[in-house]
C-alpha atoms as a PDB file:
ATOM      1  CA  MET A   1     -28.927 -30.786  32.697  1.00  0.00           C
ATOM      2  CA  THR A   2     -29.041 -33.995  34.892  1.00  0.00           C
ATOM      3  CA  LEU A   3     -26.043 -35.624  36.455  1.00  0.00           C
ATOM      4  CA  GLY A   4     -26.044 -38.415  33.935  1.00  0.00           C
ATOM      5  CA  THR A   5     -26.187 -36.049  31.049  1.00  0.00           C
ATOM      6  CA  THR A   6     -23.322 -33.944  32.485  1.00  0.00           C
ATOM      7  CA  ARG A   7     -21.179 -37.080  32.665  1.00  0.00           C
ATOM      8  CA  LEU A   8     -21.962 -37.889  29.136  1.00  0.00           C
ATOM      9  CA  TRP A   9     -20.633 -34.419  28.154  1.00  0.00           C
ATOM     10  CA  LEU A  10     -17.571 -34.881  30.252  1.00  0.00           C
ATOM     11  CA  ARG A  11     -16.512 -38.268  28.985  1.00  0.00           C
ATOM     12  CA  PRO A  12     -12.806 -38.538  28.178  1.00  0.00           C
ATOM     13  CA  GLY A  13     -13.462 -38.589  24.489  1.00  0.00           C
ATOM     14  CA  LEU A  14     -15.510 -35.332  24.546  1.00  0.00           C
ATOM     15  CA  VAL A  15     -13.227 -33.549  26.961  1.00  0.00           C
ATOM     16  CA  GLY A  16     -10.543 -33.466  24.232  1.00  0.00           C
ATOM     17  CA  LEU A  17     -13.114 -32.171  21.703  1.00  0.00           C
ATOM     18  CA  HIS A  18     -14.142 -29.471  24.149  1.00  0.00           C
ATOM     19  CA  PHE A  19     -10.494 -28.512  24.638  1.00  0.00           C
ATOM     20  CA  PHE A  20      -9.875 -28.485  20.898  1.00  0.00           C
ATOM     21  CA  ALA A  21     -12.907 -26.254  20.247  1.00  0.00           C
ATOM     22  CA  VAL A  22     -11.906 -23.817  22.908  1.00  0.00           C
ATOM     23  CA  VAL A  23      -8.358 -23.525  21.540  1.00  0.00           C
ATOM     24  CA  ALA A  24      -9.653 -23.277  17.852  1.00  0.00           C
ATOM     25  CA  VAL A  25     -12.201 -20.477  18.789  1.00  0.00           C
ATOM     26  CA  ALA A  26      -9.647 -18.581  20.802  1.00  0.00           C
ATOM     27  CA  PHE A  27      -7.104 -18.822  17.933  1.00  0.00           C
ATOM     28  CA  CYS A  28      -9.602 -17.695  15.309  1.00  0.00           C
ATOM     29  CA  VAL A  29     -10.708 -14.700  17.513  1.00  0.00           C
ATOM     30  CA  PHE A  30      -6.979 -13.780  18.108  1.00  0.00           C
ATOM     31  CA  MET A  31      -6.063 -14.068  14.379  1.00  0.00           C
ATOM     32  CA  GLY A  32      -9.222 -11.933  13.363  1.00  0.00           C
ATOM     33  CA  LEU A  33      -8.331  -9.347  15.882  1.00  0.00           C
ATOM     34  CA  TRP A  34      -4.657  -9.281  14.565  1.00  0.00           C
ATOM     35  CA  GLN A  35      -5.786  -8.841  10.968  1.00  0.00           C
ATOM     36  CA  LEU A  36      -8.189  -6.078  12.149  1.00  0.00           C
ATOM     37  CA  GLY A  37      -5.189  -4.306  13.832  1.00  0.00           C
ATOM     38  CA  VAL A  38      -3.135  -4.603  10.584  1.00  0.00           C
ATOM     39  CA  TYR A  39      -6.114  -3.039   8.746  1.00  0.00           C
ATOM     40  CA  ASP A  40      -6.150  -0.119  11.186  1.00  0.00           C
ATOM     41  CA  SER A  41      -2.405   0.311  10.932  1.00  0.00           C
ATOM     42  CA  ARG A  42      -2.558   0.561   7.215  1.00  0.00           C
ATOM     43  CA  GLN A  43      -5.409   3.132   7.451  1.00  0.00           C
ATOM     44  CA  GLU A  44      -3.231   5.254   9.815  1.00  0.00           C
ATOM     45  CA  HIS A  45      -0.094   5.012   7.678  1.00  0.00           C
ATOM     46  CA  GLU A  46      -2.053   6.075   4.618  1.00  0.00           C
ATOM     47  CA  ARG A  47      -3.645   8.962   6.533  1.00  0.00           C
ATOM     48  CA  ALA A  48      -0.159  10.026   7.749  1.00  0.00           C
ATOM     49  CA  ASP A  49       1.323   9.811   4.191  1.00  0.00           C
ATOM     50  CA  LYS A  50      -1.483  12.116   2.914  1.00  0.00           C
ATOM     51  CA  GLN A  51      -0.847  14.646   5.735  1.00  0.00           C
ATOM     52  CA  HIS A  52       2.862  14.782   5.535  1.00  0.00           C
ATOM     53  CA  VAL A  53       3.561  15.012   1.780  1.00  0.00           C
ATOM     54  CA  PRO A  54       6.895  16.737   1.111  1.00  0.00           C
ATOM     55  CA  ARG A  55       6.898  19.989  -0.671  1.00  0.00           C
ATOM     56  CA  VAL A  56       8.539  20.022  -4.071  1.00  0.00           C
ATOM     57  CA  ALA A  57       9.226  22.473  -6.907  1.00  0.00           C
ATOM     58  CA  LEU A  58       6.299  22.933  -9.350  1.00  0.00           C
ATOM     59  CA  SER A  59       8.644  22.740 -12.327  1.00  0.00           C
ATOM     60  CA  GLY A  60       9.672  19.162 -11.607  1.00  0.00           C
ATOM     61  CA  LEU A  61       6.280  17.959 -10.786  1.00  0.00           C
ATOM     62  CA  TRP A  62       3.716  19.334 -13.302  1.00  0.00           C
ATOM     63  CA  GLY A  63       3.630  21.100 -16.553  1.00  0.00           C
ATOM     64  CA  PRO A  64       1.085  23.417 -18.189  1.00  0.00           C
ATOM     65  CA  ASP A  65       0.262  20.835 -20.907  1.00  0.00           C
ATOM     66  CA  GLN A  66      -0.293  17.997 -18.407  1.00  0.00           C
ATOM     67  CA  SER A  67      -3.684  17.039 -16.952  1.00  0.00           C
ATOM     68  CA  PHE A  68      -4.408  17.376 -13.302  1.00  0.00           C
ATOM     69  CA  THR A  69      -4.254  13.967 -11.735  1.00  0.00           C
ATOM     70  CA  SER A  70      -5.046  12.693  -8.183  1.00  0.00           C
ATOM     71  CA  LYS A  71      -1.498  12.609  -7.090  1.00  0.00           C
ATOM     72  CA  LEU A  72      -1.436  16.404  -7.638  1.00  0.00           C
ATOM     73  CA  ASN A  73      -4.450  17.014  -5.359  1.00  0.00           C
ATOM     74  CA  HIS A  74      -3.491  18.780  -2.116  1.00  0.00           C
ATOM     75  CA  ARG A  75       0.181  18.546  -3.138  1.00  0.00           C
ATOM     76  CA  PRO A  76       2.406  21.252  -1.417  1.00  0.00           C
ATOM     77  CA  VAL A  77       4.676  22.987  -3.983  1.00  0.00           C
ATOM     78  CA  THR A  78       7.013  25.885  -4.444  1.00  0.00           C
ATOM     79  CA  ALA A  79       6.322  27.922  -7.528  1.00  0.00           C
ATOM     80  CA  GLU A  80       8.583  30.504  -9.017  1.00  0.00           C
ATOM     81  CA  GLY A  81       7.624  33.104 -11.528  1.00  0.00           C
ATOM     82  CA  THR A  82       6.275  36.591 -12.129  1.00  0.00           C
ATOM     83  CA  PHE A  83       2.745  37.699 -11.543  1.00  0.00           C
ATOM     84  CA  ALA A  84       0.745  39.018 -14.435  1.00  0.00           C
ATOM     85  CA  PRO A  85      -0.337  42.595 -14.367  1.00  0.00           C
ATOM     86  CA  ALA A  86      -2.756  43.470 -11.591  1.00  0.00           C
ATOM     87  CA  GLU A  87      -5.612  44.224 -13.964  1.00  0.00           C
ATOM     88  CA  GLN A  88      -5.656  40.572 -15.069  1.00  0.00           C
ATOM     89  CA  GLN A  89      -6.653  39.373 -11.630  1.00  0.00           C
ATOM     90  CA  VAL A  90     -10.024  37.929 -11.047  1.00  0.00           C
ATOM     91  CA  TRP A  91     -12.436  37.918  -8.001  1.00  0.00           C
ATOM     92  CA  VAL A  92     -14.013  34.521  -7.269  1.00  0.00           C
ATOM     93  CA  THR A  93     -17.299  35.065  -5.434  1.00  0.00           C
ATOM     94  CA  ASP A  94     -19.160  33.224  -2.703  1.00  0.00           C
ATOM     95  CA  LYS A  95     -16.177  31.878  -0.799  1.00  0.00           C
ATOM     96  CA  GLU A  96     -16.547  31.143   2.877  1.00  0.00           C
ATOM     97  CA  GLN A  97     -13.968  31.602   5.565  1.00  0.00           C
ATOM     98  CA  ASP A  98     -14.347  31.400   9.278  1.00  0.00           C
ATOM     99  CA  GLY A  99     -18.147  31.557   8.787  1.00  0.00           C
ATOM    100  CA  ARG A 100     -18.024  34.600   6.621  1.00  0.00           C
ATOM    101  CA  THR A 101     -19.008  34.838   2.976  1.00  0.00           C
ATOM    102  CA  GLY A 102     -16.466  36.658   0.750  1.00  0.00           C
ATOM    103  CA  VAL A 103     -14.265  36.440  -2.322  1.00  0.00           C
ATOM    104  CA  TRP A 104     -10.948  35.061  -3.392  1.00  0.00           C
ATOM    105  CA  LEU A 105      -8.426  36.992  -5.318  1.00  0.00           C
ATOM    106  CA  LEU A 106      -7.070  34.901  -8.232  1.00  0.00           C
ATOM    107  CA  ALA A 107      -3.924  36.013  -9.985  1.00  0.00           C
ATOM    108  CA  PRO A 108      -2.082  34.483 -12.882  1.00  0.00           C
ATOM    109  CA  LEU A 109       1.542  33.506 -12.035  1.00  0.00           C
ATOM    110  CA  LEU A 110       3.761  33.251 -15.139  1.00  0.00           C
ATOM    111  CA  VAL A 111       6.023  30.243 -14.396  1.00  0.00           C
ATOM    112  CA  ASP A 112       7.440  29.430 -17.720  1.00  0.00           C
ATOM    113  CA  GLY A 113       8.137  32.561 -19.734  1.00  0.00           C
ATOM    114  CA  ASP A 114       5.248  34.746 -20.826  1.00  0.00           C
ATOM    115  CA  ASP A 115       2.988  31.976 -22.295  1.00  0.00           C
ATOM    116  CA  HIS A 116       2.046  29.670 -19.384  1.00  0.00           C
ATOM    117  CA  ALA A 117       0.349  30.688 -16.112  1.00  0.00           C
ATOM    118  CA  LEU A 118      -0.674  28.981 -12.938  1.00  0.00           C
ATOM    119  CA  LEU A 119      -3.775  30.557 -11.350  1.00  0.00           C
ATOM    120  CA  VAL A 120      -2.939  31.390  -7.688  1.00  0.00           C
ATOM    121  CA  VAL A 121      -5.370  32.252  -5.015  1.00  0.00           C
ATOM    122  CA  ARG A 122      -3.654  35.144  -3.199  1.00  0.00           C
ATOM    123  CA  GLY A 123      -6.128  35.426  -0.350  1.00  0.00           C
ATOM    124  CA  TRP A 124      -9.575  36.103   0.891  1.00  0.00           C
ATOM    125  CA  ALA A 125     -11.433  39.432   1.187  1.00  0.00           C
ATOM    126  CA  PRO A 126     -14.910  40.153   2.724  1.00  0.00           C
ATOM    127  CA  LYS A 127     -16.023  41.769  -0.547  1.00  0.00           C
ATOM    128  CA  VAL A 128     -14.988  42.824  -4.018  1.00  0.00           C
ATOM    129  CA  GLY A 129     -12.906  45.969  -4.211  1.00  0.00           C
ATOM    130  CA  GLU A 130     -10.161  47.580  -6.113  1.00  0.00           C
ATOM    131  CA  LEU A 131      -7.712  44.997  -7.611  1.00  0.00           C
ATOM    132  CA  PRO A 132      -4.596  45.345  -5.417  1.00  0.00           C
ATOM    133  CA  ALA A 133      -1.106  45.556  -6.816  1.00  0.00           C
ATOM    134  CA  VAL A 134       0.836  42.334  -7.404  1.00  0.00           C
ATOM    135  CA  PRO A 135       4.241  41.675  -5.933  1.00  0.00           C
ATOM    136  CA  GLU A 136       6.921  42.993  -8.335  1.00  0.00           C
ATOM    137  CA  GLY A 137       9.710  41.021 -10.006  1.00  0.00           C
ATOM    138  CA  ARG A 138      10.325  37.351  -9.775  1.00  0.00           C
ATOM    139  CA  VAL A 139       8.705  35.691  -6.698  1.00  0.00           C
ATOM    140  CA  THR A 140       8.880  32.360  -4.968  1.00  0.00           C
ATOM    141  CA  ILE A 141       5.630  31.241  -3.242  1.00  0.00           C
ATOM    142  CA  LYS A 142       4.576  28.244  -1.288  1.00  0.00           C
ATOM    143  CA  ALA A 143       1.166  26.887  -2.249  1.00  0.00           C
ATOM    144  CA  VAL A 144      -1.009  23.882  -2.289  1.00  0.00           C
ATOM    145  CA  LEU A 145      -2.457  22.488  -5.638  1.00  0.00           C
ATOM    146  CA  GLN A 146      -6.134  22.103  -6.179  1.00  0.00           C
ATOM    147  CA  PRO A 147      -8.211  20.752  -9.135  1.00  0.00           C
ATOM    148  CA  GLY A 148     -10.301  23.183 -11.052  1.00  0.00           C
ATOM    149  CA  GLU A 149     -13.865  23.884  -9.826  1.00  0.00           C
ATOM    150  CA  ALA A 150     -17.265  23.738 -11.554  1.00  0.00           C
ATOM    151  CA  GLY A 151     -20.466  25.541 -11.239  1.00  0.00           C
ATOM    152  CA  GLY A 152     -21.053  29.105  -9.933  1.00  0.00           C
ATOM    153  CA  ALA A 153     -21.807  32.350 -11.670  1.00  0.00           C
ATOM    154  CA  SER A 154     -20.406  32.826 -15.198  1.00  0.00           C
ATOM    155  CA  TYR A 155     -17.530  35.286 -15.762  1.00  0.00           C
ATOM    156  CA  ASP A 156     -18.308  38.975 -15.599  1.00  0.00           C
ATOM    157  CA  PRO A 157     -15.613  40.815 -17.631  1.00  0.00           C
ATOM    158  CA  ASP A 158     -16.660  44.294 -16.346  1.00  0.00           C
ATOM    159  CA  ARG A 159     -16.507  43.441 -12.673  1.00  0.00           C
ATOM    160  CA  ARG A 160     -13.810  40.800 -13.257  1.00  0.00           C
ATOM    161  CA  GLU A 161     -15.753  38.196 -11.192  1.00  0.00           C
ATOM    162  CA  ILE A 162     -16.520  34.525 -11.565  1.00  0.00           C
ATOM    163  CA  GLY A 163     -18.493  32.107  -9.347  1.00  0.00           C
ATOM    164  CA  SER A 164     -15.732  29.472  -9.104  1.00  0.00           C
ATOM    165  CA  VAL A 165     -12.257  28.761 -10.301  1.00  0.00           C
ATOM    166  CA  ARG A 166     -13.441  27.243 -13.686  1.00  0.00           C
ATOM    167  CA  ILE A 167     -10.199  26.851 -15.722  1.00  0.00           C
ATOM    168  CA  PRO A 168     -11.783  26.372 -19.172  1.00  0.00           C
ATOM    169  CA  ALA A 169     -13.861  29.657 -18.715  1.00  0.00           C
ATOM    170  CA  LEU A 170     -10.868  31.639 -17.577  1.00  0.00           C
ATOM    171  CA  THR A 171      -8.639  30.222 -20.401  1.00  0.00           C
ATOM    172  CA  ASN A 172     -10.943  32.105 -22.856  1.00  0.00           C
ATOM    173  CA  GLU A 173     -10.457  35.330 -20.830  1.00  0.00           C
ATOM    174  CA  LEU A 174      -6.789  35.456 -20.098  1.00  0.00           C
ATOM    175  CA  PRO A 175      -4.007  35.542 -22.755  1.00  0.00           C
ATOM    176  CA  TYR A 176      -2.074  32.503 -21.383  1.00  0.00           C
ATOM    177  CA  ASP A 177      -1.879  28.775 -21.536  1.00  0.00           C
ATOM    178  CA  LEU A 178      -3.321  27.981 -18.124  1.00  0.00           C
ATOM    179  CA  TYR A 179      -2.502  24.960 -15.923  1.00  0.00           C
ATOM    180  CA  SER A 180      -5.450  22.526 -15.613  1.00  0.00           C
ATOM    181  CA  GLY A 181      -5.456  23.176 -11.822  1.00  0.00           C
ATOM    182  CA  TYR A 182      -4.864  26.014  -9.517  1.00  0.00           C
ATOM    183  CA  ALA A 183      -2.917  26.721  -6.369  1.00  0.00           C
ATOM    184  CA  VAL A 184      -3.839  28.122  -3.054  1.00  0.00           C
ATOM    185  CA  SER A 185      -0.955  30.404  -1.757  1.00  0.00           C
ATOM    186  CA  THR A 186       0.245  29.872   1.835  1.00  0.00           C
ATOM    187  CA  SER A 187       2.810  32.646   1.458  1.00  0.00           C
ATOM    188  CA  ALA A 188       1.925  35.944   3.201  1.00  0.00           C
ATOM    189  CA  SER A 189       4.233  37.885   0.883  1.00  0.00           C
ATOM    190  CA  ALA A 190       1.653  37.084  -1.932  1.00  0.00           C
ATOM    191  CA  ALA A 191      -1.389  38.149   0.077  1.00  0.00           C
ATOM    192  CA  ALA A 192      -0.746  41.888   0.178  1.00  0.00           C
ATOM    193  CA  GLY A 193      -3.084  42.382   3.122  1.00  0.00           C
ATOM    194  CA  LEU A 194      -5.615  39.760   2.231  1.00  0.00           C
ATOM    195  CA  GLU A 195      -6.330  36.889   4.622  1.00  0.00           C
ATOM    196  CA  LEU A 196      -4.568  33.748   3.585  1.00  0.00           C
ATOM    197  CA  VAL A 197      -6.943  30.913   2.478  1.00  0.00           C
ATOM    198  CA  PRO A 198      -6.389  27.771   4.469  1.00  0.00           C
ATOM    199  CA  PRO A 199      -5.817  24.925   1.941  1.00  0.00           C
ATOM    200  CA  PRO A 200      -8.536  22.209   2.046  1.00  0.00           C
ATOM    201  CA  ALA A 201      -7.771  19.209   4.106  1.00  0.00           C
ATOM    202  CA  PRO A 202      -6.823  16.100   2.162  1.00  0.00           C
ATOM    203  CA  ASP A 203      -9.581  13.657   1.449  1.00  0.00           C
ATOM    204  CA  ASP A 204     -10.052  10.986   4.164  1.00  0.00           C
ATOM    205  CA  VAL A 205      -8.500   7.585   3.524  1.00  0.00           C
ATOM    206  CA  SER A 206     -10.842   5.140   1.603  1.00  0.00           C
ATOM    207  CA  TRP A 207     -11.983   2.220   3.715  1.00  0.00           C
ATOM    208  CA  THR A 208     -10.744  -0.125   0.977  1.00  0.00           C
ATOM    209  CA  VAL A 209      -7.188   0.670   1.919  1.00  0.00           C
ATOM    210  CA  GLY A 210      -6.089  -2.586   3.505  1.00  0.00           C
ATOM    211  CA  LEU A 211      -9.313  -4.312   2.518  1.00  0.00           C
ATOM    212  CA  ARG A 212      -7.604  -7.694   2.178  1.00  0.00           C
ATOM    213  CA  ASN A 213      -6.659  -7.564   5.922  1.00  0.00           C
ATOM    214  CA  LEU A 214     -10.230  -6.615   6.817  1.00  0.00           C
ATOM    215  CA  ALA A 215     -11.598  -9.496   4.714  1.00  0.00           C
ATOM    216  CA  TYR A 216      -8.950 -11.945   6.459  1.00  0.00           C
ATOM    217  CA  ALA A 217     -10.302 -10.752   9.864  1.00  0.00           C
ATOM    218  CA  PHE A 218     -13.867 -11.590   9.064  1.00  0.00           C
ATOM    219  CA  GLN A 219     -12.679 -14.908   7.527  1.00  0.00           C
ATOM    220  CA  TRP A 220     -11.052 -15.894  10.697  1.00  0.00           C
ATOM    221  CA  TRP A 221     -14.194 -15.112  12.713  1.00  0.00           C
ATOM    222  CA  VAL A 222     -16.218 -17.134  10.232  1.00  0.00           C
ATOM    223  CA  PHE A 223     -13.844 -20.037  10.916  1.00  0.00           C
ATOM    224  CA  GLY A 224     -14.376 -19.556  14.633  1.00  0.00           C
ATOM    225  CA  ALA A 225     -18.128 -19.620  14.291  1.00  0.00           C
ATOM    226  CA  PHE A 226     -17.898 -22.690  12.195  1.00  0.00           C
ATOM    227  CA  SER A 227     -15.673 -24.397  14.834  1.00  0.00           C
ATOM    228  CA  VAL A 228     -18.423 -23.674  17.354  1.00  0.00           C
ATOM    229  CA  PHE A 229     -20.998 -25.177  15.046  1.00  0.00           C
ATOM    230  CA  MET A 230     -18.946 -28.357  14.408  1.00  0.00           C
ATOM    231  CA  TRP A 231     -18.207 -28.685  18.137  1.00  0.00           C
ATOM    232  CA  TRP A 232     -21.843 -28.505  18.984  1.00  0.00           C
ATOM    233  CA  ARG A 233     -22.961 -30.856  16.337  1.00  0.00           C
ATOM    234  CA  MET A 234     -20.280 -33.526  16.969  1.00  0.00           C
ATOM    235  CA  SER A 235     -20.834 -33.303  20.811  1.00  0.00           C
ATOM    236  CA  THR A 236     -24.506 -33.644  20.685  1.00  0.00           C
ATOM    237  CA  GLU A 237     -24.328 -36.501  18.204  1.00  0.00           C
ATOM    238  CA  SER A 238     -21.825 -38.234  20.521  1.00  0.00           C
ATOM    239  CA  VAL A 239     -24.000 -37.706  23.552  1.00  0.00           C
ATOM    240  CA  ALA A 240     -27.083 -38.910  21.733  1.00  0.00           C
ATOM    241  CA  ALA A 241     -25.308 -42.174  20.604  1.00  0.00           C
ATOM    242  CA  ALA A 242     -23.852 -42.815  24.171  1.00  0.00           C
ATOM    243  CA  ARG A 243     -27.100 -42.280  26.053  1.00  0.00           C
ATOM    244  CA  PRO A 244     -28.784 -45.656  25.220  1.00  0.00           C
ATOM    245  CA  LYS A 245     -25.548 -47.397  26.355  1.00  0.00           C
ATOM    246  CA  VAL A 246     -25.742 -45.964  29.859  1.00  0.00           C
ATOM    247  CA  ALA A 247     -29.492 -46.062  30.289  1.00  0.00           C
END
């Protein structure tokens, strides 16, 4: 760039345009970063809300005739009731824990008289064995709710084994009105020597939470890019128009 061209770009009329462009771009970048920060903050708050859900009584949250909804998934609850006879328990095969493949022990917990039962995972064992005794009398356990599973081997009534916690299949085998989901017990008192099963971690937060703020961030950056384009166009046109006058 020659000295003459430099002077054309630094004419008083264009200096104001340059200053305005710098301010506009800086403002758009700042606003975009601010909106991006709001988006990240909403993601963190949503993640924290999922990880710190208060424990509530099952009886006030969900009933046996109600479907399992997303708000129940991973929900910590306290369940009161009486375990069904030990011979009605079921082994759930092909369950991994700490890199080992074993089985879950699934037991019906009668929570509303003798007709309704919530299937409870009492714990994990390395292999199928004798069905252990259930806790006697009325019990109170802490658990985390989970939706029913699908797939896996079909139910074997002789070995009392099934390949997954399939509620519809077990409804046909147990004399109870089963809840449409099951619970993973976190109470050692219900495990009876079995290893407690760590409840699955809540699903990660969807990237769409706070999507409006993310869109606003990109919108501000588009405005900034447009400001640069307009500055370049107006400046080059002004310099081109002024060049013949100083030639």
